[in-house]
Amino acid sequence: MIFFSRRIGLNQGQEVPVRGGARVTGRSGRYSIGALNIEPVTKRRPAAVATNFSTLRVKRDILRRSNIGLIATRRSTGLTGLGSNTIVGLDANFFCGRT
């Protein structure tokens, strides 16, 4: 299942403590980047089976007003990564008119 970042910290409508996380966004030249990594845990579940949520988005401007991008998401359970789901997608926006 793909994860939804607004649901991190919730489990069936109940709050789940978040152990820690980081989010980085920025731009360098023609590239835009965004990365997110969060690990919520419950008192009933040891850290060895905690769920980890990660996502990475990279976009590059091309031509005059167009861009191409890549997004990767991963949701894994446990330190071994068994039970993980990884999804990768590509996208592009092309503007073909005059400004």
PDB file of N, CA and C in Angstrom:
ATOM      1  N   MET A   1       0.830  -1.163   0.000  1.00  0.00           N
ATOM      2  CA  MET A   1       0.000   0.000   0.000  1.00  0.00           C
ATOM      3  C   MET A   1       0.887   1.242   0.000  1.00  0.00           C
ATOM      4  N   ILE A   2       0.530   2.229  -0.799  1.00  0.00           N
ATOM      5  CA  ILE A   2       1.227   3.515  -0.792  1.00  0.00           C
ATOM      6  C   ILE A   2       0.866   4.219   0.508  1.00  0.00           C
ATOM      7  N   PHE A   3       1.813   4.927   1.080  1.00  0.00           N
ATOM      8  CA  PHE A   3       1.459   5.640   2.306  1.00  0.00           C
ATOM      9  C   PHE A   3       1.057   7.069   1.983  1.00  0.00           C
ATOM     10  N   PHE A   4       0.233   7.633   2.854  1.00  0.00           N
ATOM     11  CA  PHE A   4      -0.209   9.017   2.741  1.00  0.00           C
ATOM     12  C   PHE A   4       0.402   9.770   3.909  1.00  0.00           C
ATOM     13  N   SER A   5       1.200  10.797   3.630  1.00  0.00           N
ATOM     14  CA  SER A   5       1.952  11.468   4.688  1.00  0.00           C
ATOM     15  C   SER A   5       1.041  12.077   5.753  1.00  0.00           C
ATOM     16  N   ARG A   6      -0.175  12.428   5.426  1.00  0.00           N
ATOM     17  CA  ARG A   6      -1.078  13.011   6.430  1.00  0.00           C
ATOM     18  C   ARG A   6      -1.604  11.962   7.405  1.00  0.00           C
ATOM     19  N   ARG A   7      -1.393  10.679   7.101  1.00  0.00           N
ATOM     20  CA  ARG A   7      -1.827   9.614   8.001  1.00  0.00           C
ATOM     21  C   ARG A   7      -0.698   9.114   8.900  1.00  0.00           C
ATOM     22  N   ILE A   8       0.507   9.597   8.696  1.00  0.00           N
ATOM     23  CA  ILE A   8       1.614   9.195   9.558  1.00  0.00           C
ATOM     24  C   ILE A   8       1.337   9.747  10.953  1.00  0.00           C
ATOM     25  N   GLY A   9       1.446   8.906  11.954  1.00  0.00           N
ATOM     26  CA  GLY A   9       1.144   9.305  13.322  1.00  0.00           C
ATOM     27  C   GLY A   9      -0.294   8.983  13.709  1.00  0.00           C
ATOM     28  N   LEU A  10      -1.043   8.349  12.793  1.00  0.00           N
ATOM     29  CA  LEU A  10      -2.408   7.909  13.080  1.00  0.00           C
ATOM     30  C   LEU A  10      -2.536   6.436  12.739  1.00  0.00           C
ATOM     31  N   ASN A  11      -3.261   5.702  13.567  1.00  0.00           N
ATOM     32  CA  ASN A  11      -3.552   4.302  13.312  1.00  0.00           C
ATOM     33  C   ASN A  11      -5.018   4.087  13.649  1.00  0.00           C
ATOM     34  N   GLN A  12      -5.841   3.910  12.635  1.00  0.00           N
ATOM     35  CA  GLN A  12      -7.282   3.759  12.804  1.00  0.00           C
ATOM     36  C   GLN A  12      -7.869   4.926  13.585  1.00  0.00           C
ATOM     37  N   GLY A  13      -7.422   6.138  13.265  1.00  0.00           N
ATOM     38  CA  GLY A  13      -7.935   7.350  13.898  1.00  0.00           C
ATOM     39  C   GLY A  13      -7.320   7.688  15.237  1.00  0.00           C
ATOM     40  N   GLN A  14      -6.481   6.822  15.794  1.00  0.00           N
ATOM     41  CA  GLN A  14      -5.836   7.058  17.085  1.00  0.00           C
ATOM     42  C   GLN A  14      -4.410   7.556  16.862  1.00  0.00           C
ATOM     43  N   GLU A  15      -3.971   8.496  17.714  1.00  0.00           N
ATOM     44  CA  GLU A  15      -2.612   9.012  17.601  1.00  0.00           C
ATOM     45  C   GLU A  15      -1.581   7.949  17.936  1.00  0.00           C
ATOM     46  N   VAL A  16      -0.486   7.946  17.167  1.00  0.00           N
ATOM     47  CA  VAL A  16       0.645   7.046  17.397  1.00  0.00           C
ATOM     48  C   VAL A  16       1.873   7.928  17.596  1.00  0.00           C
ATOM     49  N   PRO A  17       2.633   7.738  18.681  1.00  0.00           N
ATOM     50  CA  PRO A  17       3.829   8.559  18.886  1.00  0.00           C
ATOM     51  C   PRO A  17       4.814   8.397  17.726  1.00  0.00           C
ATOM     52  N   VAL A  18       5.474   9.478  17.382  1.00  0.00           N
ATOM     53  CA  VAL A  18       6.479   9.452  16.326  1.00  0.00           C
ATOM     54  C   VAL A  18       7.846   9.466  16.980  1.00  0.00           C
ATOM     55  N   ARG A  19       8.671   8.467  16.652  1.00  0.00           N
ATOM     56  CA  ARG A  19      10.020   8.366  17.213  1.00  0.00           C
ATOM     57  C   ARG A  19      10.889   9.505  16.696  1.00  0.00           C
ATOM     58  N   GLY A  20      10.804   9.778  15.416  1.00  0.00           N
ATOM     59  CA  GLY A  20      11.598  10.851  14.844  1.00  0.00           C
ATOM     60  C   GLY A  20      11.396  10.904  13.346  1.00  0.00           C
ATOM     61  N   GLY A  21      11.880  11.955  12.748  1.00  0.00           N
ATOM     62  CA  GLY A  21      11.747  12.083  11.304  1.00  0.00           C
ATOM     63  C   GLY A  21      12.501  13.293  10.795  1.00  0.00           C
ATOM     64  N   ALA A  22      12.585  13.377   9.484  1.00  0.00           N
ATOM     65  CA  ALA A  22      13.275  14.500   8.858  1.00  0.00           C
ATOM     66  C   ALA A  22      12.634  14.785   7.511  1.00  0.00           C
ATOM     67  N   ARG A  23      12.616  16.052   7.154  1.00  0.00           N
ATOM     68  CA  ARG A  23      12.126  16.471   5.843  1.00  0.00           C
ATOM     69  C   ARG A  23      13.104  17.498   5.294  1.00  0.00           C
ATOM     70  N   VAL A  24      13.479  17.314   4.046  1.00  0.00           N
ATOM     71  CA  VAL A  24      14.407  18.223   3.386  1.00  0.00           C
ATOM     72  C   VAL A  24      13.799  18.631   2.051  1.00  0.00           C
ATOM     73  N   THR A  25      13.776  19.915   1.773  1.00  0.00           N
ATOM     74  CA  THR A  25      13.341  20.400   0.464  1.00  0.00           C
ATOM     75  C   THR A  25      14.306  21.479   0.022  1.00  0.00           C
ATOM     76  N   GLY A  26      14.438  21.624  -1.277  1.00  0.00           N
ATOM     77  CA  GLY A  26      15.327  22.657  -1.769  1.00  0.00           C
ATOM     78  C   GLY A  26      15.447  22.660  -3.278  1.00  0.00           C
ATOM     79  N   ARG A  27      16.255  23.574  -3.736  1.00  0.00           N
ATOM     80  CA  ARG A  27      16.473  23.742  -5.168  1.00  0.00           C
ATOM     81  C   ARG A  27      17.955  24.024  -5.399  1.00  0.00           C
ATOM     82  N   SER A  28      18.488  23.411  -6.449  1.00  0.00           N
ATOM     83  CA  SER A  28      19.875  23.650  -6.842  1.00  0.00           C
ATOM     84  C   SER A  28      19.917  23.725  -8.364  1.00  0.00           C
ATOM     85  N   GLY A  29      20.109  24.918  -8.873  1.00  0.00           N
ATOM     86  CA  GLY A  29      20.124  25.089 -10.322  1.00  0.00           C
ATOM     87  C   GLY A  29      18.794  24.703 -10.930  1.00  0.00           C
ATOM     88  N   ARG A  30      18.807  23.742 -11.840  1.00  0.00           N
ATOM     89  CA  ARG A  30      17.591  23.312 -12.528  1.00  0.00           C
ATOM     90  C   ARG A  30      16.895  22.149 -11.814  1.00  0.00           C
ATOM     91  N   TYR A  31      17.395  21.757 -10.645  1.00  0.00           N
ATOM     92  CA  TYR A  31      16.841  20.626  -9.908  1.00  0.00           C
ATOM     93  C   TYR A  31      16.073  21.093  -8.667  1.00  0.00           C
ATOM     94  N   SER A  32      14.953  20.426  -8.392  1.00  0.00           N
ATOM     95  CA  SER A  32      14.214  20.578  -7.139  1.00  0.00           C
ATOM     96  C   SER A  32      14.214  19.212  -6.467  1.00  0.00           C
ATOM     97  N   ILE A  33      14.358  19.203  -5.144  1.00  0.00           N
ATOM     98  CA  ILE A  33      14.405  17.928  -4.435  1.00  0.00           C
ATOM     99  C   ILE A  33      13.572  18.022  -3.157  1.00  0.00           C
ATOM    100  N   GLY A  34      12.960  16.918  -2.818  1.00  0.00           N
ATOM    101  CA  GLY A  34      12.232  16.805  -1.562  1.00  0.00           C
ATOM    102  C   GLY A  34      12.418  15.401  -1.026  1.00  0.00           C
ATOM    103  N   ALA A  35      12.677  15.268   0.260  1.00  0.00           N
ATOM    104  CA  ALA A  35      12.864  13.953   0.872  1.00  0.00           C
ATOM    105  C   ALA A  35      12.199  13.953   2.242  1.00  0.00           C
ATOM    106  N   LEU A  36      11.625  12.817   2.606  1.00  0.00           N
ATOM    107  CA  LEU A  36      10.916  12.666   3.867  1.00  0.00           C
ATOM    108  C   LEU A  36      11.211  11.286   4.432  1.00  0.00           C
ATOM    109  N   ASN A  37      11.490  11.218   5.741  1.00  0.00           N
ATOM    110  CA  ASN A  37      11.684   9.935   6.415  1.00  0.00           C
ATOM    111  C   ASN A  37      11.141  10.072   7.828  1.00  0.00           C
ATOM    112  N   ILE A  38      10.151   9.238   8.170  1.00  0.00           N
ATOM    113  CA  ILE A  38       9.510   9.313   9.478  1.00  0.00           C
ATOM    114  C   ILE A  38       9.311   7.902  10.027  1.00  0.00           C
ATOM    115  N   GLU A  39       9.488   7.753  11.347  1.00  0.00           N
ATOM    116  CA  GLU A  39       9.308   6.452  11.972  1.00  0.00           C
ATOM    117  C   GLU A  39       8.411   6.576  13.208  1.00  0.00           C
ATOM    118  N   PRO A  40       7.100   6.307  13.052  1.00  0.00           N
ATOM    119  CA  PRO A  40       6.234   6.262  14.236  1.00  0.00           C
ATOM    120  C   PRO A  40       6.327   4.895  14.911  1.00  0.00           C
ATOM    121  N   VAL A  41       6.161   4.850  16.220  1.00  0.00           N
ATOM    122  CA  VAL A  41       6.172   3.578  16.964  1.00  0.00           C
ATOM    123  C   VAL A  41       5.068   3.605  18.016  1.00  0.00           C
ATOM    124  N   THR A  42       4.659   2.432  18.449  1.00  0.00           N
ATOM    125  CA  THR A  42       3.714   2.343  19.555  1.00  0.00           C
ATOM    126  C   THR A  42       4.405   1.663  20.722  1.00  0.00           C
ATOM    127  N   LYS A  43       3.872   1.860  21.910  1.00  0.00           N
ATOM    128  CA  LYS A  43       4.448   1.236  23.106  1.00  0.00           C
ATOM    129  C   LYS A  43       4.299  -0.277  23.059  1.00  0.00           C
ATOM    130  N   ARG A  44       3.264  -0.761  22.362  1.00  0.00           N
ATOM    131  CA  ARG A  44       3.029  -2.192  22.277  1.00  0.00           C
ATOM    132  C   ARG A  44       3.940  -2.885  21.281  1.00  0.00           C
ATOM    133  N   ARG A  45       4.528  -2.142  20.361  1.00  0.00           N
ATOM    134  CA  ARG A  45       5.371  -2.749  19.333  1.00  0.00           C
ATOM    135  C   ARG A  45       6.824  -2.351  19.554  1.00  0.00           C
ATOM    136  N   PRO A  46       7.735  -3.289  19.641  1.00  0.00           N
ATOM    137  CA  PRO A  46       9.154  -2.943  19.804  1.00  0.00           C
ATOM    138  C   PRO A  46       9.706  -2.292  18.539  1.00  0.00           C
ATOM    139  N   ALA A  47      10.833  -1.631  18.694  1.00  0.00           N
ATOM    140  CA  ALA A  47      11.446  -0.922  17.571  1.00  0.00           C
ATOM    141  C   ALA A  47      11.764  -1.853  16.407  1.00  0.00           C
ATOM    142  N   ALA A  48      11.987  -3.137  16.684  1.00  0.00           N
ATOM    143  CA  ALA A  48      12.356  -4.080  15.630  1.00  0.00           C
ATOM    144  C   ALA A  48      11.243  -4.283  14.613  1.00  0.00           C
ATOM    145  N   VAL A  49       9.995  -3.955  14.969  1.00  0.00           N
ATOM    146  CA  VAL A  49       8.900  -4.113  14.021  1.00  0.00           C
ATOM    147  C   VAL A  49       8.236  -2.773  13.702  1.00  0.00           C
ATOM    148  N   ALA A  50       8.900  -1.686  14.027  1.00  0.00           N
ATOM    149  CA  ALA A  50       8.358  -0.360  13.742  1.00  0.00           C
ATOM    150  C   ALA A  50       8.260  -0.132  12.241  1.00  0.00           C
ATOM    151  N   THR A  51       7.272   0.643  11.838  1.00  0.00           N
ATOM    152  CA  THR A  51       7.094   0.981  10.428  1.00  0.00           C
ATOM    153  C   THR A  51       7.902   2.227  10.114  1.00  0.00           C
ATOM    154  N   ASN A  52       8.536   2.244   8.948  1.00  0.00           N
ATOM    155  CA  ASN A  52       9.320   3.391   8.488  1.00  0.00           C
ATOM    156  C   ASN A  52       8.733   3.877   7.172  1.00  0.00           C
ATOM    157  N   PHE A  53       8.505   5.184   7.060  1.00  0.00           N
ATOM    158  CA  PHE A  53       7.964   5.795   5.856  1.00  0.00           C
ATOM    159  C   PHE A  53       9.029   6.682   5.225  1.00  0.00           C
ATOM    160  N   SER A  54       9.294   6.489   3.928  1.00  0.00           N
ATOM    161  CA  SER A  54      10.281   7.318   3.222  1.00  0.00           C
ATOM    162  C   SER A  54       9.743   7.701   1.851  1.00  0.00           C
ATOM    163  N   THR A  55      10.094   8.877   1.400  1.00  0.00           N
ATOM    164  CA  THR A  55       9.758   9.289   0.042  1.00  0.00           C
ATOM    165  C   THR A  55      10.833  10.244  -0.463  1.00  0.00           C
ATOM    166  N   LEU A  56      11.039  10.208  -1.773  1.00  0.00           N
ATOM    167  CA  LEU A  56      12.017  11.068  -2.432  1.00  0.00           C
ATOM    168  C   LEU A  56      11.413  11.591  -3.720  1.00  0.00           C
ATOM    169  N   ARG A  57      11.540  12.892  -3.968  1.00  0.00           N
ATOM    170  CA  ARG A  57      11.041  13.507  -5.194  1.00  0.00           C
ATOM    171  C   ARG A  57      12.153  14.361  -5.782  1.00  0.00           C
ATOM    172  N   VAL A  58      12.481  14.122  -7.053  1.00  0.00           N
ATOM    173  CA  VAL A  58      13.478  14.909  -7.770  1.00  0.00           C
ATOM    174  C   VAL A  58      12.837  15.394  -9.062  1.00  0.00           C
ATOM    175  N   LYS A  59      12.965  16.685  -9.332  1.00  0.00           N
ATOM    176  CA  LYS A  59      12.397  17.272 -10.549  1.00  0.00           C
ATOM    177  C   LYS A  59      13.466  18.129 -11.208  1.00  0.00           C
ATOM    178  N   ARG A  60      13.535  18.056 -12.546  1.00  0.00           N
ATOM    179  CA  ARG A  60      14.520  18.850 -13.293  1.00  0.00           C
ATOM    180  C   ARG A  60      13.805  19.667 -14.347  1.00  0.00           C
ATOM    181  N   ASP A  61      14.105  20.968 -14.369  1.00  0.00           N
ATOM    182  CA  ASP A  61      13.569  21.842 -15.413  1.00  0.00           C
ATOM    183  C   ASP A  61      14.292  21.558 -16.715  1.00  0.00           C
ATOM    184  N   ILE A  62      13.530  21.449 -17.800  1.00  0.00           N
ATOM    185  CA  ILE A  62      14.120  21.260 -19.125  1.00  0.00           C
ATOM    186  C   ILE A  62      13.472  22.242 -20.092  1.00  0.00           C
ATOM    187  N   LEU A  63      14.130  22.461 -21.206  1.00  0.00           N
ATOM    188  CA  LEU A  63      13.654  23.417 -22.197  1.00  0.00           C
ATOM    189  C   LEU A  63      13.321  24.736 -21.508  1.00  0.00           C
ATOM    190  N   ARG A  64      12.309  25.439 -22.000  1.00  0.00           N
ATOM    191  CA  ARG A  64      12.024  26.758 -21.442  1.00  0.00           C
ATOM    192  C   ARG A  64      11.095  26.707 -20.234  1.00  0.00           C
ATOM    193  N   ARG A  65       9.982  25.957 -20.338  1.00  0.00           N
ATOM    194  CA  ARG A  65       9.016  25.906 -19.248  1.00  0.00           C
ATOM    195  C   ARG A  65       8.525  24.487 -18.991  1.00  0.00           C
ATOM    196  N   SER A  66       9.355  23.501 -19.211  1.00  0.00           N
ATOM    197  CA  SER A  66       8.972  22.103 -19.042  1.00  0.00           C
ATOM    198  C   SER A  66       9.812  21.465 -17.938  1.00  0.00           C
ATOM    199  N   ASN A  67       9.390  20.289 -17.492  1.00  0.00           N
ATOM    200  CA  ASN A  67      10.162  19.585 -16.472  1.00  0.00           C
ATOM    201  C   ASN A  67       9.874  18.091 -16.532  1.00  0.00           C
ATOM    202  N   ILE A  68      10.801  17.332 -15.971  1.00  0.00           N
ATOM    203  CA  ILE A  68      10.637  15.885 -15.811  1.00  0.00           C
ATOM    204  C   ILE A  68      10.908  15.568 -14.340  1.00  0.00           C
ATOM    205  N   GLY A  69      10.310  14.486 -13.858  1.00  0.00           N
ATOM    206  CA  GLY A  69      10.481  14.185 -12.442  1.00  0.00           C
ATOM    207  C   GLY A  69      10.420  12.712 -12.129  1.00  0.00           C
ATOM    208  N   LEU A  70      10.886  12.393 -10.933  1.00  0.00           N
ATOM    209  CA  LEU A  70      10.892  11.030 -10.414  1.00  0.00           C
ATOM    210  C   LEU A  70      10.415  11.098  -8.970  1.00  0.00           C
ATOM    211  N   ILE A  71       9.568  10.147  -8.591  1.00  0.00           N
ATOM    212  CA  ILE A  71       9.153  10.032  -7.199  1.00  0.00           C
ATOM    213  C   ILE A  71       9.292   8.574  -6.780  1.00  0.00           C
ATOM    214  N   ALA A  72       9.778   8.360  -5.573  1.00  0.00           N
ATOM    215  CA  ALA A  72       9.907   7.006  -5.027  1.00  0.00           C
ATOM    216  C   ALA A  72       9.386   7.038  -3.601  1.00  0.00           C
ATOM    217  N   THR A  73       8.549   6.070  -3.257  1.00  0.00           N
ATOM    218  CA  THR A  73       8.051   5.954  -1.898  1.00  0.00           C
ATOM    219  C   THR A  73       8.352   4.554  -1.376  1.00  0.00           C
ATOM    220  N   ARG A  74       8.554   4.453  -0.062  1.00  0.00           N
ATOM    221  CA  ARG A  74       8.836   3.153   0.555  1.00  0.00           C
ATOM    222  C   ARG A  74       8.212   3.131   1.945  1.00  0.00           C
ATOM    223  N   ARG A  75       7.540   2.057   2.215  1.00  0.00           N
ATOM    224  CA  ARG A  75       6.984   1.812   3.548  1.00  0.00           C
ATOM    225  C   ARG A  75       7.490   0.442   3.968  1.00  0.00           C
ATOM    226  N   SER A  76       8.283   0.396   5.016  1.00  0.00           N
ATOM    227  CA  SER A  76       8.861  -0.884   5.429  1.00  0.00           C
ATOM    228  C   SER A  76       8.577  -1.147   6.899  1.00  0.00           C
ATOM    229  N   THR A  77       8.529  -2.426   7.237  1.00  0.00           N
ATOM    230  CA  THR A  77       8.277  -2.854   8.604  1.00  0.00           C
ATOM    231  C   THR A  77       9.473  -3.643   9.110  1.00  0.00           C
ATOM    232  N   GLY A  78       9.994  -3.299  10.267  1.00  0.00           N
ATOM    233  CA  GLY A  78      11.088  -4.026  10.890  1.00  0.00           C
ATOM    234  C   GLY A  78      12.447  -3.587  10.395  1.00  0.00           C
ATOM    235  N   LEU A  79      13.447  -3.960  11.139  1.00  0.00           N
ATOM    236  CA  LEU A  79      14.821  -3.604  10.809  1.00  0.00           C
ATOM    237  C   LEU A  79      15.318  -4.317   9.563  1.00  0.00           C
ATOM    238  N   THR A  80      14.743  -5.484   9.248  1.00  0.00           N
ATOM    239  CA  THR A  80      15.187  -6.253   8.083  1.00  0.00           C
ATOM    240  C   THR A  80      14.605  -5.736   6.781  1.00  0.00           C
ATOM    241  N   GLY A  81      13.553  -4.905   6.865  1.00  0.00           N
ATOM    242  CA  GLY A  81      12.923  -4.412   5.646  1.00  0.00           C
ATOM    243  C   GLY A  81      11.946  -5.396   5.047  1.00  0.00           C
ATOM    244  N   LEU A  82      11.746  -6.550   5.711  1.00  0.00           N
ATOM    245  CA  LEU A  82      10.762  -7.511   5.221  1.00  0.00           C
ATOM    246  C   LEU A  82       9.384  -6.880   5.340  1.00  0.00           C
ATOM    247  N   GLY A  83       8.538  -7.167   4.397  1.00  0.00           N
ATOM    248  CA  GLY A  83       7.215  -6.574   4.422  1.00  0.00           C
ATOM    249  C   GLY A  83       7.208  -5.150   3.909  1.00  0.00           C
ATOM    250  N   SER A  84       8.170  -4.799   3.087  1.00  0.00           N
ATOM    251  CA  SER A  84       8.239  -3.432   2.583  1.00  0.00           C
ATOM    252  C   SER A  84       7.533  -3.302   1.233  1.00  0.00           C
ATOM    253  N   ASN A  85       7.071  -2.098   0.975  1.00  0.00           N
ATOM    254  CA  ASN A  85       6.463  -1.742  -0.309  1.00  0.00           C
ATOM    255  C   ASN A  85       7.234  -0.571  -0.883  1.00  0.00           C
ATOM    256  N   THR A  86       7.651  -0.688  -2.121  1.00  0.00           N
ATOM    257  CA  THR A  86       8.360   0.382  -2.799  1.00  0.00           C
ATOM    258  C   THR A  86       7.666   0.677  -4.119  1.00  0.00           C
ATOM    259  N   ILE A  87       7.445   1.947  -4.381  1.00  0.00           N
ATOM    260  CA  ILE A  87       6.799   2.373  -5.622  1.00  0.00           C
ATOM    261  C   ILE A  87       7.639   3.490  -6.229  1.00  0.00           C
ATOM    262  N   VAL A  88       7.857   3.419  -7.539  1.00  0.00           N
ATOM    263  CA  VAL A  88       8.621   4.436  -8.259  1.00  0.00           C
ATOM    264  C   VAL A  88       7.777   4.926  -9.420  1.00  0.00           C
ATOM    265  N   GLY A  89       7.782   6.228  -9.637  1.00  0.00           N
ATOM    266  CA  GLY A  89       7.017   6.797 -10.739  1.00  0.00           C
ATOM    267  C   GLY A  89       7.789   7.894 -11.447  1.00  0.00           C
ATOM    268  N   LEU A  90       7.487   8.076 -12.717  1.00  0.00           N
ATOM    269  CA  LEU A  90       8.081   9.133 -13.539  1.00  0.00           C
ATOM    270  C   LEU A  90       6.963  10.030 -14.043  1.00  0.00           C
ATOM    271  N   ASP A  91       7.275  11.299 -14.225  1.00  0.00           N
ATOM    272  CA  ASP A  91       6.290  12.211 -14.801  1.00  0.00           C
ATOM    273  C   ASP A  91       7.001  13.298 -15.594  1.00  0.00           C
ATOM    274  N   ALA A  92       6.238  13.980 -16.431  1.00  0.00           N
ATOM    275  CA  ALA A  92       6.788  15.064 -17.247  1.00  0.00           C
ATOM    276  C   ALA A  92       5.689  16.069 -17.553  1.00  0.00           C
ATOM    277  N   ASN A  93       6.060  17.318 -17.645  1.00  0.00           N
ATOM    278  CA  ASN A  93       5.175  18.400 -18.056  1.00  0.00           C
ATOM    279  C   ASN A  93       5.855  19.137 -19.201  1.00  0.00           C
ATOM    280  N   PHE A  94       5.182  19.202 -20.333  1.00  0.00           N
ATOM    281  CA  PHE A  94       5.745  19.887 -21.500  1.00  0.00           C
ATOM    282  C   PHE A  94       4.825  21.019 -21.912  1.00  0.00           C
ATOM    283  N   PHE A  95       5.393  22.201 -22.031  1.00  0.00           N
ATOM    284  CA  PHE A  95       4.646  23.360 -22.495  1.00  0.00           C
ATOM    285  C   PHE A  95       5.052  23.613 -23.941  1.00  0.00           C
ATOM    286  N   CYS A  96       4.090  23.601 -24.843  1.00  0.00           N
ATOM    287  CA  CYS A  96       4.388  23.699 -26.272  1.00  0.00           C
ATOM    288  C   CYS A  96       3.893  24.993 -26.894  1.00  0.00           C
ATOM    289  N   GLY A  97       3.701  26.033 -26.132  1.00  0.00           N
ATOM    290  CA  GLY A  97       3.202  27.292 -26.673  1.00  0.00           C
ATOM    291  C   GLY A  97       4.211  28.416 -26.477  1.00  0.00           C
ATOM    292  N   ARG A  98       3.906  29.537 -27.112  1.00  0.00           N
ATOM    293  CA  ARG A  98       4.760  30.719 -26.931  1.00  0.00           C
ATOM    294  C   ARG A  98       4.274  31.528 -25.740  1.00  0.00           C
ATOM    295  N   THR A  99       5.212  32.222 -25.111  1.00  0.00           N
ATOM    296  CA  THR A  99       4.829  33.079 -23.987  1.00  0.00           C
ATOM    297  C   THR A  99       5.029  34.515 -24.329  1.00  0.00           C
TER     298      THR A  99
END
